Amino acid sequence: YSAKRLSDRGVVALSKAQLPLTSVRLSRCRHLTDLGVTQLVAGAPHLRTLHVDANPHLSDTGVASICDSCPSLTSLSLSYCPLVSNASLLPALRLLEHLTSLDIAGARSPE
């Protein structure tokens, strides 16, 4: 089973397990959307590392949820998420006081 096939449904089930996660990698999950990411981070307030790069359905809304729900993040990868815009990043990322590593390669420029 490839993680690339993981969808919101699988991520929501994972979040309901209430595991004490500190690191999650959900890169290249073509079926993952803001809904799944929002549910995951709402149930994992102790996350320190999150990789959600190359997810075509992750948008500014998902980034805002990540930043609101995970104030302890030290590392965040949002590279190659085509719906995440540069314009939304700065306001959202200001909430992450402990962030020391950020990957936004391939971020979309403001229009």
N, C-alpha and C. Protein backbone atom coordinates (compact mmCIF):
# COMPACT_ATOMS: atom_id res chain seq x y z
N TYR A 1 0.85 -1.18 0.00
CA TYR A 1 0.00 0.00 0.00
C TYR A 1 0.88 1.23 0.00
N SER A 2 0.63 2.12 -0.89
CA SER A 2 1.43 3.33 -1.01
C SER A 2 0.77 4.47 -0.24
N ALA A 3 1.59 5.22 0.49
CA ALA A 3 1.06 6.39 1.20
C ALA A 3 0.52 7.42 0.22
N LYS A 4 0.93 7.35 -1.02
CA LYS A 4 0.43 8.27 -2.03
C LYS A 4 -1.09 8.14 -2.21
N ARG A 5 -1.63 7.00 -1.83
CA ARG A 5 -3.06 6.76 -1.97
C ARG A 5 -3.84 7.15 -0.71
N LEU A 6 -3.14 7.59 0.32
CA LEU A 6 -3.79 7.99 1.56
C LEU A 6 -4.71 9.18 1.31
N SER A 7 -5.90 9.11 1.85
CA SER A 7 -6.88 10.18 1.65
C SER A 7 -7.26 10.81 2.98
N ASP A 8 -8.15 11.77 2.92
CA ASP A 8 -8.66 12.41 4.13
C ASP A 8 -9.22 11.38 5.10
N ARG A 9 -9.91 10.41 4.58
CA ARG A 9 -10.54 9.40 5.42
C ARG A 9 -9.50 8.67 6.28
N GLY A 10 -8.40 8.29 5.69
CA GLY A 10 -7.34 7.61 6.43
C GLY A 10 -6.69 8.51 7.47
N VAL A 11 -6.48 9.75 7.11
CA VAL A 11 -5.85 10.71 8.03
C VAL A 11 -6.79 11.04 9.18
N VAL A 12 -8.07 11.15 8.91
CA VAL A 12 -9.04 11.41 9.98
C VAL A 12 -9.07 10.23 10.95
N ALA A 13 -9.02 9.00 10.43
CA ALA A 13 -8.98 7.82 11.30
C ALA A 13 -7.72 7.85 12.16
N LEU A 14 -6.61 8.24 11.58
CA LEU A 14 -5.36 8.35 12.33
C LEU A 14 -5.49 9.38 13.45
N SER A 15 -6.09 10.50 13.14
CA SER A 15 -6.23 11.56 14.14
C SER A 15 -7.14 11.13 15.30
N LYS A 16 -8.14 10.31 15.00
CA LYS A 16 -9.05 9.85 16.05
C LYS A 16 -8.38 8.87 17.01
N ALA A 17 -7.25 8.29 16.58
CA ALA A 17 -6.52 7.36 17.45
C ALA A 17 -5.82 8.11 18.58
N GLN A 18 -5.73 9.42 18.48
CA GLN A 18 -5.13 10.28 19.49
C GLN A 18 -3.75 9.79 19.93
N LEU A 19 -2.92 9.52 18.95
CA LEU A 19 -1.54 9.11 19.22
C LEU A 19 -0.72 10.34 19.61
N PRO A 20 0.25 10.18 20.48
CA PRO A 20 1.07 11.33 20.89
C PRO A 20 2.15 11.64 19.84
N LEU A 21 1.72 11.99 18.64
CA LEU A 21 2.64 12.19 17.53
C LEU A 21 3.44 13.48 17.68
N THR A 22 4.73 13.40 17.36
CA THR A 22 5.57 14.60 17.32
C THR A 22 6.11 14.84 15.92
N SER A 23 6.01 13.84 15.03
CA SER A 23 6.51 13.97 13.67
C SER A 23 5.60 13.20 12.72
N VAL A 24 5.21 13.86 11.63
CA VAL A 24 4.35 13.22 10.62
C VAL A 24 4.85 13.63 9.24
N ARG A 25 4.93 12.65 8.35
CA ARG A 25 5.31 12.89 6.96
C ARG A 25 4.17 12.39 6.06
N LEU A 26 3.52 13.33 5.40
CA LEU A 26 2.42 13.02 4.48
C LEU A 26 2.72 13.62 3.11
N SER A 27 3.90 13.36 2.61
CA SER A 27 4.32 13.89 1.33
C SER A 27 3.70 13.11 0.18
N ARG A 28 3.33 13.84 -0.86
CA ARG A 28 2.82 13.26 -2.11
C ARG A 28 1.54 12.44 -1.94
N CYS A 29 0.71 12.84 -1.02
CA CYS A 29 -0.59 12.17 -0.85
C CYS A 29 -1.59 12.89 -1.75
N ARG A 30 -1.77 12.38 -2.94
CA ARG A 30 -2.57 13.05 -3.97
C ARG A 30 -4.02 13.27 -3.60
N HIS A 31 -4.52 12.50 -2.63
CA HIS A 31 -5.94 12.59 -2.27
C HIS A 31 -6.17 13.32 -0.94
N LEU A 32 -5.12 13.84 -0.38
CA LEU A 32 -5.23 14.56 0.89
C LEU A 32 -5.61 16.01 0.64
N THR A 33 -6.58 16.52 1.40
CA THR A 33 -7.03 17.90 1.22
C THR A 33 -6.89 18.66 2.55
N ASP A 34 -7.30 19.91 2.52
CA ASP A 34 -7.28 20.73 3.73
C ASP A 34 -8.07 20.07 4.86
N LEU A 35 -9.16 19.40 4.54
CA LEU A 35 -9.99 18.74 5.55
C LEU A 35 -9.19 17.72 6.34
N GLY A 36 -8.49 16.84 5.66
CA GLY A 36 -7.69 15.83 6.33
C GLY A 36 -6.57 16.42 7.16
N VAL A 37 -5.87 17.40 6.60
CA VAL A 37 -4.78 18.05 7.33
C VAL A 37 -5.31 18.76 8.57
N THR A 38 -6.44 19.44 8.43
CA THR A 38 -7.04 20.15 9.56
C THR A 38 -7.42 19.18 10.68
N GLN A 39 -8.00 18.05 10.32
CA GLN A 39 -8.37 17.05 11.32
C GLN A 39 -7.14 16.46 11.99
N LEU A 40 -6.11 16.20 11.21
CA LEU A 40 -4.89 15.63 11.77
C LEU A 40 -4.25 16.57 12.78
N VAL A 41 -4.05 17.82 12.40
CA VAL A 41 -3.35 18.75 13.30
C VAL A 41 -4.19 19.11 14.51
N ALA A 42 -5.50 19.08 14.38
CA ALA A 42 -6.37 19.36 15.53
C ALA A 42 -6.20 18.29 16.61
N GLY A 43 -5.86 17.08 16.18
CA GLY A 43 -5.68 15.98 17.12
C GLY A 43 -4.23 15.71 17.48
N ALA A 44 -3.33 16.58 17.06
CA ALA A 44 -1.90 16.35 17.32
C ALA A 44 -1.21 17.66 17.72
N PRO A 45 -1.59 18.22 18.85
CA PRO A 45 -1.06 19.53 19.24
C PRO A 45 0.43 19.53 19.58
N HIS A 46 1.02 18.35 19.74
CA HIS A 46 2.45 18.28 20.12
C HIS A 46 3.37 18.05 18.93
N LEU A 47 2.82 18.17 17.72
CA LEU A 47 3.65 17.99 16.53
C LEU A 47 4.81 18.99 16.53
N ARG A 48 5.99 18.49 16.20
CA ARG A 48 7.16 19.35 16.07
C ARG A 48 7.65 19.37 14.62
N THR A 49 7.40 18.29 13.90
CA THR A 49 7.82 18.18 12.51
C THR A 49 6.65 17.73 11.65
N LEU A 50 6.39 18.46 10.58
CA LEU A 50 5.30 18.11 9.67
C LEU A 50 5.74 18.33 8.24
N HIS A 51 5.66 17.27 7.45
CA HIS A 51 5.97 17.33 6.03
C HIS A 51 4.70 17.03 5.25
N VAL A 52 4.18 18.01 4.58
CA VAL A 52 2.99 17.83 3.75
C VAL A 52 3.28 18.32 2.33
N ASP A 53 4.51 18.16 1.90
CA ASP A 53 4.93 18.66 0.61
C ASP A 53 4.36 17.83 -0.55
N ALA A 54 4.27 18.49 -1.68
CA ALA A 54 3.80 17.88 -2.93
C ALA A 54 2.39 17.31 -2.81
N ASN A 55 1.53 18.02 -2.10
CA ASN A 55 0.12 17.64 -1.99
C ASN A 55 -0.69 18.65 -2.81
N PRO A 56 -1.23 18.22 -3.94
CA PRO A 56 -1.87 19.16 -4.86
C PRO A 56 -3.15 19.82 -4.35
N HIS A 57 -3.76 19.29 -3.28
CA HIS A 57 -5.01 19.85 -2.79
C HIS A 57 -4.86 20.62 -1.48
N LEU A 58 -3.64 20.74 -0.98
CA LEU A 58 -3.40 21.53 0.23
C LEU A 58 -3.33 23.00 -0.16
N SER A 59 -4.11 23.83 0.52
CA SER A 59 -4.19 25.24 0.17
C SER A 59 -3.84 26.13 1.38
N ASP A 60 -4.03 27.42 1.19
CA ASP A 60 -3.79 28.38 2.26
C ASP A 60 -4.64 28.07 3.50
N THR A 61 -5.81 27.53 3.30
CA THR A 61 -6.69 27.16 4.41
C THR A 61 -6.04 26.08 5.27
N GLY A 62 -5.45 25.08 4.64
CA GLY A 62 -4.76 24.04 5.37
C GLY A 62 -3.55 24.56 6.12
N VAL A 63 -2.81 25.48 5.50
CA VAL A 63 -1.64 26.08 6.16
C VAL A 63 -2.09 26.86 7.39
N ALA A 64 -3.17 27.59 7.28
CA ALA A 64 -3.69 28.34 8.44
C ALA A 64 -4.06 27.39 9.57
N SER A 65 -4.67 26.26 9.24
CA SER A 65 -5.03 25.27 10.27
C SER A 65 -3.80 24.70 10.94
N ILE A 66 -2.78 24.41 10.15
CA ILE A 66 -1.53 23.89 10.70
C ILE A 66 -0.95 24.89 11.70
N CYS A 67 -0.86 26.13 11.30
CA CYS A 67 -0.24 27.16 12.14
C CYS A 67 -1.07 27.45 13.39
N ASP A 68 -2.38 27.39 13.27
CA ASP A 68 -3.26 27.61 14.43
C ASP A 68 -3.20 26.46 15.43
N SER A 69 -3.07 25.24 14.93
CA SER A 69 -3.19 24.05 15.78
C SER A 69 -1.87 23.52 16.32
N CYS A 70 -0.76 23.90 15.71
CA CYS A 70 0.53 23.31 16.07
C CYS A 70 1.57 24.37 16.44
N PRO A 71 1.37 25.05 17.54
CA PRO A 71 2.30 26.13 17.91
C PRO A 71 3.71 25.64 18.25
N SER A 72 3.89 24.35 18.46
CA SER A 72 5.21 23.82 18.82
C SER A 72 6.03 23.36 17.62
N LEU A 73 5.51 23.55 16.40
CA LEU A 73 6.26 23.11 15.22
C LEU A 73 7.63 23.77 15.16
N THR A 74 8.64 22.94 14.88
CA THR A 74 9.99 23.46 14.66
C THR A 74 10.40 23.27 13.20
N SER A 75 9.74 22.35 12.50
CA SER A 75 10.07 22.07 11.10
C SER A 75 8.79 21.85 10.31
N LEU A 76 8.67 22.55 9.18
CA LEU A 76 7.48 22.46 8.34
C LEU A 76 7.89 22.46 6.88
N SER A 77 7.41 21.47 6.14
CA SER A 77 7.68 21.41 4.71
C SER A 77 6.37 21.52 3.94
N LEU A 78 6.31 22.58 3.14
CA LEU A 78 5.15 22.86 2.29
C LEU A 78 5.55 22.94 0.82
N SER A 79 6.69 22.38 0.49
CA SER A 79 7.20 22.54 -0.87
C SER A 79 6.28 21.88 -1.89
N TYR A 80 6.20 22.52 -3.04
CA TYR A 80 5.45 22.02 -4.19
C TYR A 80 3.99 21.71 -3.89
N CYS A 81 3.37 22.58 -3.13
CA CYS A 81 1.92 22.54 -2.92
C CYS A 81 1.37 23.70 -3.74
N PRO A 82 0.86 23.45 -4.92
CA PRO A 82 0.52 24.52 -5.86
C PRO A 82 -0.59 25.47 -5.40
N LEU A 83 -1.40 25.08 -4.43
CA LEU A 83 -2.47 25.96 -3.97
C LEU A 83 -2.08 26.80 -2.77
N VAL A 84 -0.85 26.64 -2.29
CA VAL A 84 -0.35 27.45 -1.18
C VAL A 84 0.36 28.66 -1.77
N SER A 85 -0.09 29.85 -1.40
CA SER A 85 0.48 31.07 -1.96
C SER A 85 1.45 31.73 -0.99
N ASN A 86 2.42 32.41 -1.55
CA ASN A 86 3.38 33.17 -0.74
C ASN A 86 2.66 34.19 0.13
N ALA A 87 1.62 34.79 -0.40
CA ALA A 87 0.91 35.87 0.31
C ALA A 87 0.32 35.39 1.63
N SER A 88 -0.06 34.14 1.71
CA SER A 88 -0.68 33.63 2.93
C SER A 88 0.34 33.14 3.95
N LEU A 89 1.54 32.89 3.51
CA LEU A 89 2.52 32.26 4.39
C LEU A 89 2.95 33.12 5.57
N LEU A 90 3.32 34.35 5.32
CA LEU A 90 3.86 35.19 6.40
C LEU A 90 2.88 35.37 7.55
N PRO A 91 1.63 35.76 7.30
CA PRO A 91 0.70 35.91 8.43
C PRO A 91 0.50 34.62 9.21
N ALA A 92 0.41 33.50 8.51
CA ALA A 92 0.19 32.22 9.19
C ALA A 92 1.43 31.80 9.97
N LEU A 93 2.58 31.95 9.37
CA LEU A 93 3.82 31.47 9.99
C LEU A 93 4.23 32.30 11.20
N ARG A 94 3.73 33.49 11.32
CA ARG A 94 4.03 34.30 12.50
C ARG A 94 3.55 33.63 13.79
N LEU A 95 2.62 32.72 13.67
CA LEU A 95 2.11 32.00 14.84
C LEU A 95 3.07 30.92 15.33
N LEU A 96 4.03 30.56 14.51
CA LEU A 96 4.94 29.46 14.85
C LEU A 96 6.25 30.02 15.41
N GLU A 97 6.24 30.31 16.68
CA GLU A 97 7.38 30.95 17.34
C GLU A 97 8.61 30.06 17.42
N HIS A 98 8.44 28.74 17.36
CA HIS A 98 9.56 27.82 17.53
C HIS A 98 10.10 27.29 16.19
N LEU A 99 9.53 27.76 15.09
CA LEU A 99 9.91 27.25 13.77
C LEU A 99 11.37 27.59 13.46
N THR A 100 12.16 26.56 13.14
CA THR A 100 13.56 26.77 12.78
C THR A 100 13.86 26.26 11.37
N SER A 101 12.95 25.47 10.78
CA SER A 101 13.15 24.94 9.45
C SER A 101 11.86 25.03 8.65
N LEU A 102 11.94 25.67 7.49
CA LEU A 102 10.78 25.85 6.62
C LEU A 102 11.18 25.57 5.18
N ASP A 103 10.48 24.66 4.52
CA ASP A 103 10.73 24.36 3.12
C ASP A 103 9.51 24.77 2.32
N ILE A 104 9.68 25.78 1.49
CA ILE A 104 8.58 26.25 0.64
C ILE A 104 9.02 26.30 -0.82
N ALA A 105 9.94 25.43 -1.19
CA ALA A 105 10.39 25.35 -2.58
C ALA A 105 9.20 25.17 -3.50
N GLY A 106 9.18 25.91 -4.57
CA GLY A 106 8.10 25.81 -5.53
C GLY A 106 6.83 26.51 -5.11
N ALA A 107 6.92 27.39 -4.10
CA ALA A 107 5.73 28.12 -3.66
C ALA A 107 5.24 29.04 -4.76
N ARG A 108 3.95 29.29 -4.77
CA ARG A 108 3.31 30.12 -5.78
C ARG A 108 3.46 31.58 -5.40
N SER A 109 3.82 32.41 -6.34
CA SER A 109 3.95 33.85 -6.12
C SER A 109 2.59 34.50 -6.00
N PRO A 110 2.52 35.64 -5.29
CA PRO A 110 1.23 36.35 -5.23
C PRO A 110 0.83 36.80 -6.61
N GLU A 111 -0.47 36.83 -6.84
CA GLU A 111 -0.96 37.20 -8.18
C GLU A 111 -1.28 38.66 -8.26
